[in-house]
Amino acid sequence: MQYYEEMEQTSAAMNALKKLIHDIRFPFMASATGSSQIKPSGKIKFMSAYRFFRKEMVPMIKQEEPELDSKGRHAVVH
């Protein structure tokens, strides 16, 4: 039982350190997106170049072609 408690504490501490490192390396993401970069499990979601590109493109595509559903927008971005 003690093993599992220590593992849980260690995992929580490691995730906190990972988040701190991430916030130091990418301060613009920490301030702009808040806690959306953390999964419900407590782990950090790192954004790939494609996700950054998609995040910029989707609002523009929604504005230009409002009739497209999410699959259609994905096809355009892809």
C-alpha atoms as a PDB file:
ATOM      1  CA  MET A   1       0.000   0.000   0.000  1.00  0.00           C
ATOM      2  CA  GLN A   2       2.816   2.377   0.875  1.00  0.00           C
ATOM      3  CA  TYR A   3       4.422   1.645  -2.508  1.00  0.00           C
ATOM      4  CA  TYR A   4       1.335   2.835  -4.399  1.00  0.00           C
ATOM      5  CA  GLU A   5       1.049   5.977  -2.292  1.00  0.00           C
ATOM      6  CA  GLU A   6       4.712   6.830  -2.910  1.00  0.00           C
ATOM      7  CA  MET A   7       4.325   6.149  -6.636  1.00  0.00           C
ATOM      8  CA  GLU A   8       1.301   8.443  -6.788  1.00  0.00           C
ATOM      9  CA  GLN A   9       3.161  11.217  -4.955  1.00  0.00           C
ATOM     10  CA  THR A  10       6.208  10.786  -7.170  1.00  0.00           C
ATOM     11  CA  SER A  11       4.070  10.852 -10.307  1.00  0.00           C
ATOM     12  CA  ALA A  12       2.285  14.014  -9.176  1.00  0.00           C
ATOM     13  CA  ALA A  13       5.603  15.702  -8.365  1.00  0.00           C
ATOM     14  CA  MET A  14       7.062  14.666 -11.729  1.00  0.00           C
ATOM     15  CA  ASN A  15       4.048  16.028 -13.609  1.00  0.00           C
ATOM     16  CA  ALA A  16       4.296  19.302 -11.690  1.00  0.00           C
ATOM     17  CA  LEU A  17       7.960  19.584 -12.662  1.00  0.00           C
ATOM     18  CA  LYS A  18       7.146  18.792 -16.300  1.00  0.00           C
ATOM     19  CA  LYS A  19       4.509  21.525 -16.301  1.00  0.00           C
ATOM     20  CA  LEU A  20       6.950  23.987 -14.750  1.00  0.00           C
ATOM     21  CA  ILE A  21       9.595  23.156 -17.374  1.00  0.00           C
ATOM     22  CA  HIS A  22       7.000  23.480 -20.124  1.00  0.00           C
ATOM     23  CA  ASP A  23       5.835  26.859 -18.811  1.00  0.00           C
ATOM     24  CA  ILE A  24       9.433  28.081 -18.710  1.00  0.00           C
ATOM     25  CA  ARG A  25      10.170  26.874 -22.243  1.00  0.00           C
ATOM     26  CA  PHE A  26       6.862  28.083 -23.708  1.00  0.00           C
ATOM     27  CA  PRO A  27       5.699  31.045 -21.627  1.00  0.00           C
ATOM     28  CA  PHE A  28       3.441  32.327 -24.417  1.00  0.00           C
ATOM     29  CA  MET A  29       1.397  29.105 -24.281  1.00  0.00           C
ATOM     30  CA  ALA A  30       1.074  29.158 -20.508  1.00  0.00           C
ATOM     31  CA  SER A  31      -0.332  32.664 -20.455  1.00  0.00           C
ATOM     32  CA  ALA A  32      -2.454  32.417 -23.603  1.00  0.00           C
ATOM     33  CA  THR A  33      -4.094  29.055 -23.080  1.00  0.00           C
ATOM     34  CA  GLY A  34      -4.178  28.692 -19.326  1.00  0.00           C
ATOM     35  CA  SER A  35      -4.707  25.166 -18.048  1.00  0.00           C
ATOM     36  CA  SER A  36      -6.012  23.770 -21.333  1.00  0.00           C
ATOM     37  CA  GLN A  37      -2.540  22.364 -21.942  1.00  0.00           C
ATOM     38  CA  ILE A  38      -3.029  19.882 -19.103  1.00  0.00           C
ATOM     39  CA  LYS A  39      -4.983  16.691 -19.703  1.00  0.00           C
ATOM     40  CA  PRO A  40      -7.546  15.527 -17.118  1.00  0.00           C
ATOM     41  CA  SER A  41      -4.964  12.921 -16.044  1.00  0.00           C
ATOM     42  CA  GLY A  42      -2.645  15.773 -15.049  1.00  0.00           C
ATOM     43  CA  LYS A  43      -0.184  15.170 -17.865  1.00  0.00           C
ATOM     44  CA  ILE A  44       0.858  17.929 -20.235  1.00  0.00           C
ATOM     45  CA  LYS A  45      -0.332  18.013 -23.837  1.00  0.00           C
ATOM     46  CA  PHE A  46       2.480  19.142 -26.084  1.00  0.00           C
ATOM     47  CA  MET A  47       1.412  20.841 -29.278  1.00  0.00           C
ATOM     48  CA  SER A  48       2.887  19.782 -32.564  1.00  0.00           C
ATOM     49  CA  ALA A  49       3.528  22.178 -35.435  1.00  0.00           C
ATOM     50  CA  TYR A  50       0.392  20.861 -37.153  1.00  0.00           C
ATOM     51  CA  ARG A  51      -1.748  21.645 -34.095  1.00  0.00           C
ATOM     52  CA  PHE A  52      -0.388  25.213 -34.007  1.00  0.00           C
ATOM     53  CA  PHE A  53      -1.141  25.591 -37.714  1.00  0.00           C
ATOM     54  CA  ARG A  54      -4.624  24.091 -37.320  1.00  0.00           C
ATOM     55  CA  LYS A  55      -5.356  26.384 -34.368  1.00  0.00           C
ATOM     56  CA  GLU A  56      -4.647  29.397 -36.591  1.00  0.00           C
ATOM     57  CA  MET A  57      -6.397  28.094 -39.714  1.00  0.00           C
ATOM     58  CA  VAL A  58      -9.706  26.754 -38.375  1.00  0.00           C
ATOM     59  CA  PRO A  59     -11.159  30.172 -37.409  1.00  0.00           C
ATOM     60  CA  MET A  60     -10.231  31.544 -40.828  1.00  0.00           C
ATOM     61  CA  ILE A  61     -11.813  28.577 -42.605  1.00  0.00           C
ATOM     62  CA  LYS A  62     -14.957  28.886 -40.457  1.00  0.00           C
ATOM     63  CA  GLN A  63     -15.229  32.504 -41.521  1.00  0.00           C
ATOM     64  CA  GLU A  64     -14.613  31.851 -45.222  1.00  0.00           C
ATOM     65  CA  GLU A  65     -16.653  28.645 -45.534  1.00  0.00           C
ATOM     66  CA  PRO A  66     -19.238  28.452 -42.704  1.00  0.00           C
ATOM     67  CA  GLU A  67     -21.111  25.574 -44.364  1.00  0.00           C
ATOM     68  CA  LEU A  68     -18.246  23.110 -43.767  1.00  0.00           C
ATOM     69  CA  ASP A  69     -18.494  20.666 -40.899  1.00  0.00           C
ATOM     70  CA  SER A  70     -15.476  19.625 -38.824  1.00  0.00           C
ATOM     71  CA  LYS A  71     -14.485  16.874 -41.277  1.00  0.00           C
ATOM     72  CA  GLY A  72     -14.566  19.319 -44.163  1.00  0.00           C
ATOM     73  CA  ARG A  73     -12.470  21.838 -42.247  1.00  0.00           C
ATOM     74  CA  HIS A  74     -10.008  19.099 -41.359  1.00  0.00           C
ATOM     75  CA  ALA A  75      -9.688  18.180 -45.029  1.00  0.00           C
ATOM     76  CA  VAL A  76      -9.021  21.799 -45.974  1.00  0.00           C
ATOM     77  CA  VAL A  77      -6.408  22.242 -43.245  1.00  0.00           C
ATOM     78  CA  HIS A  78      -4.789  18.918 -44.063  1.00  0.00           C
END
